[in-house]
PDB file of N, CA and C in Angstrom:
ATOM      1  N   MET A   1    -129.369 -13.361 -59.770  1.00  0.00           N
ATOM      2  CA  MET A   1    -128.411 -13.341 -60.731  1.00  0.00           C
ATOM      3  C   MET A   1    -127.265 -14.275 -60.231  1.00  0.00           C
ATOM      4  N   MET A   2    -126.703 -15.331 -60.995  1.00  0.00           N
ATOM      5  CA  MET A   2    -125.653 -16.174 -60.379  1.00  0.00           C
ATOM      6  C   MET A   2    -124.267 -15.432 -60.748  1.00  0.00           C
ATOM      7  N   LYS A   3    -123.399 -15.530 -59.777  1.00  0.00           N
ATOM      8  CA  LYS A   3    -122.050 -15.027 -59.978  1.00  0.00           C
ATOM      9  C   LYS A   3    -121.326 -15.907 -61.032  1.00  0.00           C
ATOM     10  N   GLU A   4    -120.726 -15.352 -62.003  1.00  0.00           N
ATOM     11  CA  GLU A   4    -120.067 -16.247 -62.986  1.00  0.00           C
ATOM     12  C   GLU A   4    -118.573 -16.423 -62.384  1.00  0.00           C
ATOM     13  N   GLU A   5    -118.173 -17.718 -62.317  1.00  0.00           N
ATOM     14  CA  GLU A   5    -116.636 -18.018 -61.872  1.00  0.00           C
ATOM     15  C   GLU A   5    -115.788 -18.302 -63.012  1.00  0.00           C
ATOM     16  N   TYR A   6    -114.584 -17.697 -62.866  1.00  0.00           N
ATOM     17  CA  TYR A   6    -113.677 -17.968 -63.910  1.00  0.00           C
ATOM     18  C   TYR A   6    -112.844 -19.115 -63.537  1.00  0.00           C
ATOM     19  N   LYS A   7    -112.530 -19.796 -64.587  1.00  0.00           N
ATOM     20  CA  LYS A   7    -111.638 -20.899 -64.361  1.00  0.00           C
ATOM     21  C   LYS A   7    -110.592 -20.846 -65.287  1.00  0.00           C
ATOM     22  N   GLU A   8    -109.271 -21.107 -64.674  1.00  0.00           N
ATOM     23  CA  GLU A   8    -108.092 -21.099 -65.631  1.00  0.00           C
ATOM     24  C   GLU A   8    -108.201 -22.546 -66.264  1.00  0.00           C
ATOM     25  N   HIS A   9    -108.118 -22.549 -67.713  1.00  0.00           N
ATOM     26  CA  HIS A   9    -108.160 -23.793 -68.347  1.00  0.00           C
ATOM     27  C   HIS A   9    -106.636 -24.331 -68.791  1.00  0.00           C
ATOM     28  N   LEU A  10    -105.978 -23.300 -69.203  1.00  0.00           N
ATOM     29  CA  LEU A  10    -104.607 -23.576 -69.631  1.00  0.00           C
ATOM     30  C   LEU A  10    -103.640 -22.379 -69.239  1.00  0.00           C
ATOM     31  N   HIS A  11    -102.540 -22.813 -68.698  1.00  0.00           N
ATOM     32  CA  HIS A  11    -101.641 -21.738 -68.254  1.00  0.00           C
ATOM     33  C   HIS A  11    -100.309 -22.093 -68.866  1.00  0.00           C
ATOM     34  N   LEU A  12     -99.690 -21.325 -69.775  1.00  0.00           N
ATOM     35  CA  LEU A  12     -98.577 -21.568 -70.464  1.00  0.00           C
ATOM     36  C   LEU A  12     -97.482 -20.502 -69.923  1.00  0.00           C
ATOM     37  N   ILE A  13     -96.317 -21.026 -69.791  1.00  0.00           N
ATOM     38  CA  ILE A  13     -95.046 -20.344 -69.314  1.00  0.00           C
ATOM     39  C   ILE A  13     -94.032 -20.426 -70.522  1.00  0.00           C
ATOM     40  N   GLU A  14     -93.569 -19.425 -71.018  1.00  0.00           N
ATOM     41  CA  GLU A  14     -92.622 -19.372 -72.016  1.00  0.00           C
ATOM     42  C   GLU A  14     -91.233 -19.087 -71.468  1.00  0.00           C
ATOM     43  N   ASN A  15     -90.229 -19.867 -71.551  1.00  0.00           N
ATOM     44  CA  ASN A  15     -88.839 -19.639 -71.094  1.00  0.00           C
ATOM     45  C   ASN A  15     -88.038 -19.091 -72.216  1.00  0.00           C
ATOM     46  N   PHE A  16     -87.180 -18.194 -72.044  1.00  0.00           N
ATOM     47  CA  PHE A  16     -86.228 -17.833 -73.010  1.00  0.00           C
ATOM     48  C   PHE A  16     -84.866 -18.106 -72.472  1.00  0.00           C
ATOM     49  N   TYR A  17     -83.881 -18.634 -73.387  1.00  0.00           N
ATOM     50  CA  TYR A  17     -82.580 -18.960 -72.865  1.00  0.00           C
ATOM     51  C   TYR A  17     -81.537 -18.173 -73.532  1.00  0.00           C
ATOM     52  N   GLY A  18     -80.479 -18.120 -73.001  1.00  0.00           N
ATOM     53  CA  GLY A  18     -79.238 -17.502 -73.483  1.00  0.00           C
ATOM     54  C   GLY A  18     -78.177 -18.429 -73.423  1.00  0.00           C
ATOM     55  N   VAL A  19     -77.521 -18.821 -74.442  1.00  0.00           N
ATOM     56  CA  VAL A  19     -76.452 -19.929 -74.503  1.00  0.00           C
ATOM     57  C   VAL A  19     -75.271 -19.335 -75.256  1.00  0.00           C
ATOM     58  N   LEU A  20     -74.116 -19.400 -74.565  1.00  0.00           N
ATOM     59  CA  LEU A  20     -72.865 -19.112 -75.115  1.00  0.00           C
ATOM     60  C   LEU A  20     -71.892 -20.246 -75.210  1.00  0.00           C
ATOM     61  N   PHE A  21     -71.597 -20.534 -76.488  1.00  0.00           N
ATOM     62  CA  PHE A  21     -70.723 -21.755 -76.738  1.00  0.00           C
ATOM     63  C   PHE A  21     -69.267 -21.173 -76.672  1.00  0.00           C
ATOM     64  N   ASN A  22     -68.271 -21.842 -76.152  1.00  0.00           N
ATOM     65  CA  ASN A  22     -66.798 -21.499 -76.145  1.00  0.00           C
ATOM     66  C   ASN A  22     -66.236 -22.827 -76.674  1.00  0.00           C
ATOM     67  N   LEU A  23     -65.853 -22.671 -78.015  1.00  0.00           N
ATOM     68  CA  LEU A  23     -65.474 -23.819 -78.849  1.00  0.00           C
ATOM     69  C   LEU A  23     -63.925 -23.817 -79.002  1.00  0.00           C
ATOM     70  N   ASP A  24     -63.321 -24.966 -78.830  1.00  0.00           N
ATOM     71  CA  ASP A  24     -61.835 -25.151 -78.986  1.00  0.00           C
ATOM     72  C   ASP A  24     -61.605 -25.470 -80.426  1.00  0.00           C
ATOM     73  N   MET A  25     -60.739 -24.612 -80.973  1.00  0.00           N
ATOM     74  CA  MET A  25     -60.406 -24.859 -82.431  1.00  0.00           C
ATOM     75  C   MET A  25     -58.849 -24.944 -82.588  1.00  0.00           C
ATOM     76  N   SER A  26     -58.290 -25.487 -81.584  1.00  0.00           N
ATOM     77  CA  SER A  26     -56.766 -25.665 -81.565  1.00  0.00           C
ATOM     78  C   SER A  26     -56.549 -26.736 -82.372  1.00  0.00           C
ATOM     79  N   GLU A  27     -55.124 -26.939 -82.547  1.00  0.00           N
ATOM     80  CA  GLU A  27     -54.699 -28.122 -83.404  1.00  0.00           C
ATOM     81  C   GLU A  27     -55.388 -29.460 -83.019  1.00  0.00           C
ATOM     82  N   SER A  28     -55.468 -29.781 -81.755  1.00  0.00           N
ATOM     83  CA  SER A  28     -55.990 -31.169 -81.298  1.00  0.00           C
ATOM     84  C   SER A  28     -57.349 -31.221 -81.713  1.00  0.00           C
ATOM     85  N   MET A  29     -58.152 -30.202 -82.192  1.00  0.00           N
ATOM     86  CA  MET A  29     -59.505 -30.448 -82.725  1.00  0.00           C
ATOM     87  C   MET A  29     -59.616 -30.493 -84.325  1.00  0.00           C
ATOM     88  N   LYS A  30     -58.593 -30.629 -84.992  1.00  0.00           N
ATOM     89  CA  LYS A  30     -58.577 -30.753 -86.404  1.00  0.00           C
ATOM     90  C   LYS A  30     -59.519 -31.877 -86.915  1.00  0.00           C
ATOM     91  N   GLY A  31     -59.857 -31.673 -88.053  1.00  0.00           N
ATOM     92  CA  GLY A  31     -60.473 -32.821 -88.753  1.00  0.00           C
ATOM     93  C   GLY A  31     -61.826 -33.267 -88.376  1.00  0.00           C
ATOM     94  N   GLU A  32     -61.952 -34.557 -88.037  1.00  0.00           N
ATOM     95  CA  GLU A  32     -63.294 -35.242 -87.593  1.00  0.00           C
ATOM     96  C   GLU A  32     -63.767 -34.601 -86.430  1.00  0.00           C
ATOM     97  N   LYS A  33     -62.958 -34.346 -85.363  1.00  0.00           N
ATOM     98  CA  LYS A  33     -63.232 -33.768 -84.086  1.00  0.00           C
ATOM     99  C   LYS A  33     -64.060 -32.386 -84.208  1.00  0.00           C
ATOM    100  N   TRP A  34     -63.446 -31.583 -85.071  1.00  0.00           N
ATOM    101  CA  TRP A  34     -63.925 -30.305 -85.358  1.00  0.00           C
ATOM    102  C   TRP A  34     -65.238 -30.448 -86.138  1.00  0.00           C
ATOM    103  N   ARG A  35     -65.377 -31.243 -87.042  1.00  0.00           N
ATOM    104  CA  ARG A  35     -66.782 -31.443 -87.815  1.00  0.00           C
ATOM    105  C   ARG A  35     -67.716 -31.983 -86.876  1.00  0.00           C
ATOM    106  N   LYS A  36     -67.531 -32.871 -85.859  1.00  0.00           N
ATOM    107  CA  LYS A  36     -68.356 -33.294 -85.032  1.00  0.00           C
ATOM    108  C   LYS A  36     -68.878 -32.262 -84.008  1.00  0.00           C
ATOM    109  N   LEU A  37     -67.986 -31.457 -83.628  1.00  0.00           N
ATOM    110  CA  LEU A  37     -68.274 -30.324 -82.660  1.00  0.00           C
ATOM    111  C   LEU A  37     -69.201 -29.245 -83.368  1.00  0.00           C
ATOM    112  N   CYS A  38     -68.845 -29.061 -84.611  1.00  0.00           N
ATOM    113  CA  CYS A  38     -69.730 -28.036 -85.315  1.00  0.00           C
ATOM    114  C   CYS A  38     -71.163 -28.595 -85.500  1.00  0.00           C
ATOM    115  N   ALA A  39     -71.192 -29.873 -85.966  1.00  0.00           N
ATOM    116  CA  ALA A  39     -72.472 -30.599 -86.088  1.00  0.00           C
ATOM    117  C   ALA A  39     -73.278 -30.576 -84.914  1.00  0.00           C
ATOM    118  N   GLY A  40     -72.651 -30.983 -83.825  1.00  0.00           N
ATOM    119  CA  GLY A  40     -73.428 -30.855 -82.542  1.00  0.00           C
ATOM    120  C   GLY A  40     -73.986 -29.542 -82.081  1.00  0.00           C
ATOM    121  N   THR A  41     -72.945 -28.574 -82.278  1.00  0.00           N
ATOM    122  CA  THR A  41     -73.397 -27.144 -81.868  1.00  0.00           C
ATOM    123  C   THR A  41     -74.529 -26.733 -82.770  1.00  0.00           C
ATOM    124  N   GLU A  42     -74.413 -26.899 -84.014  1.00  0.00           N
ATOM    125  CA  GLU A  42     -75.565 -26.722 -84.985  1.00  0.00           C
ATOM    126  C   GLU A  42     -76.882 -27.281 -84.548  1.00  0.00           C
ATOM    127  N   TYR A  43     -76.873 -28.614 -84.263  1.00  0.00           N
ATOM    128  CA  TYR A  43     -78.043 -29.321 -83.908  1.00  0.00           C
ATOM    129  C   TYR A  43     -78.574 -28.571 -82.557  1.00  0.00           C
ATOM    130  N   PHE A  44     -77.745 -28.286 -81.663  1.00  0.00           N
ATOM    131  CA  PHE A  44     -78.266 -27.685 -80.303  1.00  0.00           C
ATOM    132  C   PHE A  44     -78.885 -26.365 -80.612  1.00  0.00           C
ATOM    133  N   ILE A  45     -78.431 -25.539 -81.527  1.00  0.00           N
ATOM    134  CA  ILE A  45     -78.845 -24.149 -81.947  1.00  0.00           C
ATOM    135  C   ILE A  45     -80.288 -24.384 -82.512  1.00  0.00           C
ATOM    136  N   LYS A  46     -80.310 -25.281 -83.397  1.00  0.00           N
ATOM    137  CA  LYS A  46     -81.658 -25.542 -84.076  1.00  0.00           C
ATOM    138  C   LYS A  46     -82.647 -26.034 -83.193  1.00  0.00           C
ATOM    139  N   CYS A  47     -82.381 -26.617 -81.963  1.00  0.00           N
ATOM    140  CA  CYS A  47     -83.247 -26.926 -80.909  1.00  0.00           C
ATOM    141  C   CYS A  47     -83.917 -25.917 -80.116  1.00  0.00           C
ATOM    142  N   LEU A  48     -83.172 -24.703 -80.146  1.00  0.00           N
ATOM    143  CA  LEU A  48     -83.565 -23.641 -79.334  1.00  0.00           C
ATOM    144  C   LEU A  48     -84.663 -22.818 -80.054  1.00  0.00           C
ATOM    145  N   GLY A  49     -85.280 -22.040 -79.230  1.00  0.00           N
ATOM    146  CA  GLY A  49     -86.479 -21.203 -79.862  1.00  0.00           C
ATOM    147  C   GLY A  49     -86.069 -20.003 -80.596  1.00  0.00           C
ATOM    148  N   GLU A  50     -86.887 -19.475 -81.306  1.00  0.00           N
ATOM    149  CA  GLU A  50     -86.477 -18.146 -82.023  1.00  0.00           C
ATOM    150  C   GLU A  50     -86.062 -17.104 -81.305  1.00  0.00           C
ATOM    151  N   SER A  51     -86.687 -17.081 -80.122  1.00  0.00           N
ATOM    152  CA  SER A  51     -86.411 -15.845 -79.191  1.00  0.00           C
ATOM    153  C   SER A  51     -85.185 -15.942 -78.254  1.00  0.00           C
ATOM    154  N   ASP A  52     -84.559 -17.276 -78.334  1.00  0.00           N
ATOM    155  CA  ASP A  52     -83.381 -17.452 -77.412  1.00  0.00           C
ATOM    156  C   ASP A  52     -82.131 -16.829 -78.030  1.00  0.00           C
ATOM    157  N   PHE A  53     -81.300 -16.388 -77.128  1.00  0.00           N
ATOM    158  CA  PHE A  53     -80.132 -15.865 -77.538  1.00  0.00           C
ATOM    159  C   PHE A  53     -79.031 -16.910 -77.677  1.00  0.00           C
ATOM    160  N   VAL A  54     -78.122 -16.806 -78.771  1.00  0.00           N
ATOM    161  CA  VAL A  54     -77.072 -17.645 -78.971  1.00  0.00           C
ATOM    162  C   VAL A  54     -75.786 -16.802 -79.240  1.00  0.00           C
ATOM    163  N   GLY A  55     -74.772 -17.197 -78.532  1.00  0.00           N
ATOM    164  CA  GLY A  55     -73.459 -16.529 -78.881  1.00  0.00           C
ATOM    165  C   GLY A  55     -72.479 -17.771 -79.027  1.00  0.00           C
ATOM    166  N   CYS A  56     -71.288 -17.366 -79.582  1.00  0.00           N
ATOM    167  CA  CYS A  56     -70.393 -18.220 -79.901  1.00  0.00           C
ATOM    168  C   CYS A  56     -68.877 -17.633 -79.761  1.00  0.00           C
ATOM    169  N   MET A  57     -67.983 -18.328 -79.134  1.00  0.00           N
ATOM    170  CA  MET A  57     -66.649 -17.737 -79.015  1.00  0.00           C
ATOM    171  C   MET A  57     -65.830 -19.000 -79.439  1.00  0.00           C
ATOM    172  N   VAL A  58     -64.756 -18.851 -80.294  1.00  0.00           N
ATOM    173  CA  VAL A  58     -63.794 -19.822 -80.386  1.00  0.00           C
ATOM    174  C   VAL A  58     -62.558 -19.459 -79.898  1.00  0.00           C
ATOM    175  N   PHE A  59     -61.793 -20.450 -79.551  1.00  0.00           N
ATOM    176  CA  PHE A  59     -60.322 -20.139 -79.005  1.00  0.00           C
ATOM    177  C   PHE A  59     -59.396 -21.144 -79.520  1.00  0.00           C
ATOM    178  N   ASN A  60     -58.117 -20.788 -79.452  1.00  0.00           N
ATOM    179  CA  ASN A  60     -56.996 -21.583 -79.690  1.00  0.00           C
ATOM    180  C   ASN A  60     -55.848 -20.849 -78.675  1.00  0.00           C
ATOM    181  N   ASP A  61     -55.189 -19.942 -79.266  1.00  0.00           N
ATOM    182  CA  ASP A  61     -54.208 -19.200 -78.359  1.00  0.00           C
ATOM    183  C   ASP A  61     -54.925 -17.915 -77.946  1.00  0.00           C
ATOM    184  N   GLU A  62     -56.190 -17.661 -78.643  1.00  0.00           N
ATOM    185  CA  GLU A  62     -56.729 -16.363 -78.081  1.00  0.00           C
ATOM    186  C   GLU A  62     -58.378 -16.602 -78.381  1.00  0.00           C
ATOM    187  N   ASN A  63     -59.096 -15.866 -77.659  1.00  0.00           N
ATOM    188  CA  ASN A  63     -60.582 -15.982 -77.767  1.00  0.00           C
ATOM    189  C   ASN A  63     -60.985 -14.944 -78.715  1.00  0.00           C
ATOM    190  N   VAL A  64     -62.107 -15.438 -79.644  1.00  0.00           N
ATOM    191  CA  VAL A  64     -62.691 -14.591 -80.700  1.00  0.00           C
ATOM    192  C   VAL A  64     -64.091 -14.794 -80.636  1.00  0.00           C
ATOM    193  N   LEU A  65     -64.948 -13.683 -80.497  1.00  0.00           N
ATOM    194  CA  LEU A  65     -66.407 -13.723 -80.609  1.00  0.00           C
ATOM    195  C   LEU A  65     -66.824 -13.817 -81.963  1.00  0.00           C
ATOM    196  N   VAL A  66     -67.631 -14.710 -82.316  1.00  0.00           N
ATOM    197  CA  VAL A  66     -68.109 -15.095 -83.666  1.00  0.00           C
ATOM    198  C   VAL A  66     -69.524 -14.731 -83.904  1.00  0.00           C
ATOM    199  N   PRO A  67     -69.817 -13.613 -84.864  1.00  0.00           N
ATOM    200  CA  PRO A  67     -71.216 -13.282 -84.836  1.00  0.00           C
ATOM    201  C   PRO A  67     -72.021 -14.417 -85.578  1.00  0.00           C
ATOM    202  N   LEU A  68     -73.266 -14.721 -85.044  1.00  0.00           N
ATOM    203  CA  LEU A  68     -73.957 -15.780 -85.617  1.00  0.00           C
ATOM    204  C   LEU A  68     -75.213 -15.219 -86.351  1.00  0.00           C
ATOM    205  N   ASN A  69     -75.500 -15.860 -87.437  1.00  0.00           N
ATOM    206  CA  ASN A  69     -76.760 -15.544 -88.204  1.00  0.00           C
ATOM    207  C   ASN A  69     -77.543 -16.866 -88.299  1.00  0.00           C
ATOM    208  N   ARG A  70     -78.537 -16.830 -87.334  1.00  0.00           N
ATOM    209  CA  ARG A  70     -79.458 -18.168 -87.287  1.00  0.00           C
ATOM    210  C   ARG A  70     -80.139 -18.505 -88.397  1.00  0.00           C
ATOM    211  N   SER A  71     -80.276 -17.580 -89.332  1.00  0.00           N
ATOM    212  CA  SER A  71     -81.087 -17.917 -90.457  1.00  0.00           C
ATOM    213  C   SER A  71     -80.234 -18.791 -91.541  1.00  0.00           C
ATOM    214  N   GLN A  72     -78.863 -18.731 -91.323  1.00  0.00           N
ATOM    215  CA  GLN A  72     -78.010 -19.540 -92.168  1.00  0.00           C
ATOM    216  C   GLN A  72     -77.877 -21.031 -91.672  1.00  0.00           C
ATOM    217  N   LEU A  73     -78.473 -21.423 -90.583  1.00  0.00           N
ATOM    218  CA  LEU A  73     -78.326 -22.563 -89.891  1.00  0.00           C
ATOM    219  C   LEU A  73     -79.438 -23.594 -90.398  1.00  0.00           C
TER     220      LEU A  73
END
């Protein structure tokens, strides 16, 4: 009887990421700068996987943790 040899054909590794955005919403970021920052942040979040963690803080004269609902993106 021949010994059956096991060969690995495909090996997948899944990475999970945690990302915390700390966004400046001071007066200097009003208007177009703020819109571009939000659009870029939204694009980045959409590129992440469903199992990745995303957090967001905004600041001007104080920091505030913002709850994110990824289904709204």
